Protein backbone atom coordinates (compact mmCIF):
# COMPACT_ATOMS: atom_id res chain seq x y z
CA UNK A 1 -4.96 13.77 -19.59
CA UNK A 2 -3.21 14.50 -16.29
CA UNK A 3 -5.47 15.09 -13.32
CA UNK A 4 -8.69 14.05 -15.06
CA UNK A 5 -7.20 10.74 -16.20
CA UNK A 6 -5.86 10.09 -12.70
CA UNK A 7 -9.28 10.68 -11.11
CA UNK A 8 -11.02 8.52 -13.71
CA UNK A 9 -8.62 5.66 -13.00
CA UNK A 10 -9.24 5.98 -9.24
CA UNK A 11 -12.99 5.83 -9.86
CA UNK A 12 -12.55 2.80 -12.13
CA UNK A 13 -10.85 1.07 -9.19
CA UNK A 14 -13.91 1.79 -7.03
CA UNK A 15 -12.71 4.84 -5.09
CA UNK A 16 -14.77 7.93 -4.37
CA UNK A 17 -12.53 10.95 -4.74
CA UNK A 18 -12.41 14.23 -2.88
CA UNK A 19 -10.69 17.41 -4.05
CA UNK A 20 -8.22 18.57 -1.41
CA UNK A 21 -6.00 21.64 -1.21
CA UNK A 22 -2.59 21.81 -2.89
CA UNK A 23 -3.85 19.95 -5.96
CA UNK A 24 -4.33 16.71 -4.09
CA UNK A 25 -6.99 14.05 -4.49
CA UNK A 26 -8.19 12.27 -1.37
CA UNK A 27 -9.70 8.82 -0.92
CA UNK A 28 -10.57 6.50 1.94
CA UNK A 29 -8.04 3.68 1.84
CA UNK A 30 -7.96 0.35 3.61
CA UNK A 31 -4.37 -0.78 4.02
CA UNK A 32 -4.04 -4.20 2.36
CA UNK A 33 -0.73 -5.43 3.85
CA UNK A 34 1.89 -4.93 6.53
CA UNK A 35 1.66 -3.88 10.15
CA UNK A 36 -1.21 -1.49 9.32
CA UNK A 37 -3.20 -4.12 7.42
CA UNK A 38 -6.95 -3.64 7.64
CA UNK A 39 -6.74 -0.09 8.97
CA UNK A 40 -8.79 2.58 7.23
CA UNK A 41 -7.05 5.90 6.65
CA UNK A 42 -7.33 8.93 4.45
CA UNK A 43 -4.88 8.86 1.55
CA UNK A 44 -4.01 11.89 -0.55
CA UNK A 45 -2.12 11.82 -3.82
CA UNK A 46 -0.94 14.69 -5.98
CA UNK A 47 -1.22 13.72 -9.64
CA UNK A 48 1.21 15.58 -11.88
CA UNK A 49 -0.17 17.53 -14.81
CA UNK A 50 1.60 15.18 -17.19
CA UNK A 51 0.21 11.96 -15.69
CA UNK A 52 0.70 9.20 -16.84
CA UNK A 53 4.10 10.28 -18.16
CA UNK A 54 5.12 10.90 -14.55
CA UNK A 55 3.68 9.48 -11.35
CA UNK A 56 2.62 11.27 -8.18
CA UNK A 57 5.22 11.99 -5.53
CA UNK A 58 5.01 10.07 -2.28
CA UNK A 59 1.67 9.56 -0.54
CA UNK A 60 0.13 11.65 2.22
CA UNK A 61 -1.68 9.77 5.01
CA UNK A 62 -4.07 11.03 7.64
CA UNK A 63 -4.11 8.42 10.36
CA UNK A 64 -5.73 10.60 13.04
CA UNK A 65 -7.83 8.42 15.29
CA UNK A 66 -6.43 5.18 13.84
CA UNK A 67 -5.30 3.08 16.77
CA UNK A 68 -1.84 1.56 16.48
CA UNK A 69 -0.88 3.23 13.17
CA UNK A 70 2.80 2.57 12.43
CA UNK A 71 5.02 4.66 10.15
CA UNK A 72 8.55 4.16 8.83
CA UNK A 73 11.33 5.62 10.97
CA UNK A 74 12.60 8.08 8.36
CA UNK A 75 11.60 10.29 5.43
CA UNK A 76 8.26 11.16 7.01
CA UNK A 77 7.37 14.86 7.00
CA UNK A 78 4.56 17.20 7.91
CA UNK A 79 2.10 17.53 5.04
CA UNK A 80 0.84 20.84 3.68
CA UNK A 81 -2.65 19.36 4.16
CA UNK A 82 -2.43 20.22 7.86
CA UNK A 83 -2.89 18.57 11.22
CA UNK A 84 -3.00 14.77 11.18
CA UNK A 85 -1.52 14.48 7.69
CA UNK A 86 1.95 13.04 7.10
CA UNK A 87 3.92 13.00 3.85
CA UNK A 88 5.92 9.87 3.11
CA UNK A 89 8.82 10.81 0.87
CA UNK A 90 8.87 7.64 -1.19
CA UNK A 91 9.49 8.16 -4.92
CA UNK A 92 8.58 5.43 -7.38
CA UNK A 93 11.86 4.80 -9.25
CA UNK A 94 10.45 2.02 -11.47
CA UNK A 95 7.53 4.02 -12.87
CA UNK A 96 8.88 3.84 -16.43
CA UNK A 97 8.92 0.03 -16.23
CA UNK A 98 5.19 -0.17 -15.47
CA UNK A 99 1.98 0.39 -17.41
CA UNK A 100 1.92 3.90 -15.85
CA UNK A 101 -1.50 3.57 -14.28
CA UNK A 102 -3.03 4.32 -10.89
CA UNK A 103 -3.12 0.56 -10.40
CA UNK A 104 0.67 0.49 -10.96
CA UNK A 105 1.13 3.28 -8.42
CA UNK A 106 -1.00 1.36 -5.91
CA UNK A 107 1.29 -1.67 -6.35
CA UNK A 108 4.18 0.62 -5.36
CA UNK A 109 2.15 1.87 -2.39
CA UNK A 110 1.43 -1.72 -1.36
CA UNK A 111 5.18 -2.47 -1.42
CA UNK A 112 5.84 0.55 0.78
CA UNK A 113 3.24 -0.53 3.29
CA UNK A 114 4.47 -4.13 3.30
CA UNK A 115 7.99 -2.97 4.15
CA UNK A 116 7.01 -1.40 7.48
């Protein structure tokens, strides 16, 4: 399962995927809620080899050229993906209480974005 299952679930949700370095999968993402609502950014996720047993670590965003992009004040780091990318260190502590799907992870992501 792992990576292949993760990609298939992204595609089932309507996303076109792109293979990125460091084992990450990239998509174009329109922020659904919060202060960045409606903004289109690049989102990268790193599915673990044992997905869905474990979920990806925090998301990586590339907001280069996105006017007015707002990030949390802490736990934001440079991403190994390079210039323009930022890693949000935001683990998903309730993963084991979900259906362990990409859709579940996106609900977590939506909560993160709503809290900004």
